[in-house]
Amino acid sequence: MNTNHQALQPHGATHRHLSVNITPSERGGRIVLGAATFIAALILLTSAGSGIAVFLEVLLALAGLDLVVTGALGHCPLYQKLGYTPRSLRNQS
């Protein structure tokens, strides 16, 4: 049995660990707001009258899903790109 984790990964693949860069209260807020946004977008989609309305409501649904996923994972790629870490998480490793 091989316990070397690198041997189990496909050639050229690297294991990336996403660091938590969202506070617990922001995570909860993102999940709640994202779920509400996604549900609202689905409700609006049922009565969409034009192609542009459908397009905008699909974008709204995707934005809601993004909030739910980043909240659930605790990692925001935009925060990472900007180098932002909330003060309460700066001393944690």
Foldseek 3Di string as FASTA:
>chain_A
DDPPPVVVDPPPDDDDDADQQADLVQLVVLQVVLVVQLVVLVVQCVVDDDPVSVVVSVVSNVSSVVSNVCSVSNHDVVCVVVVHGDPVCVVPD
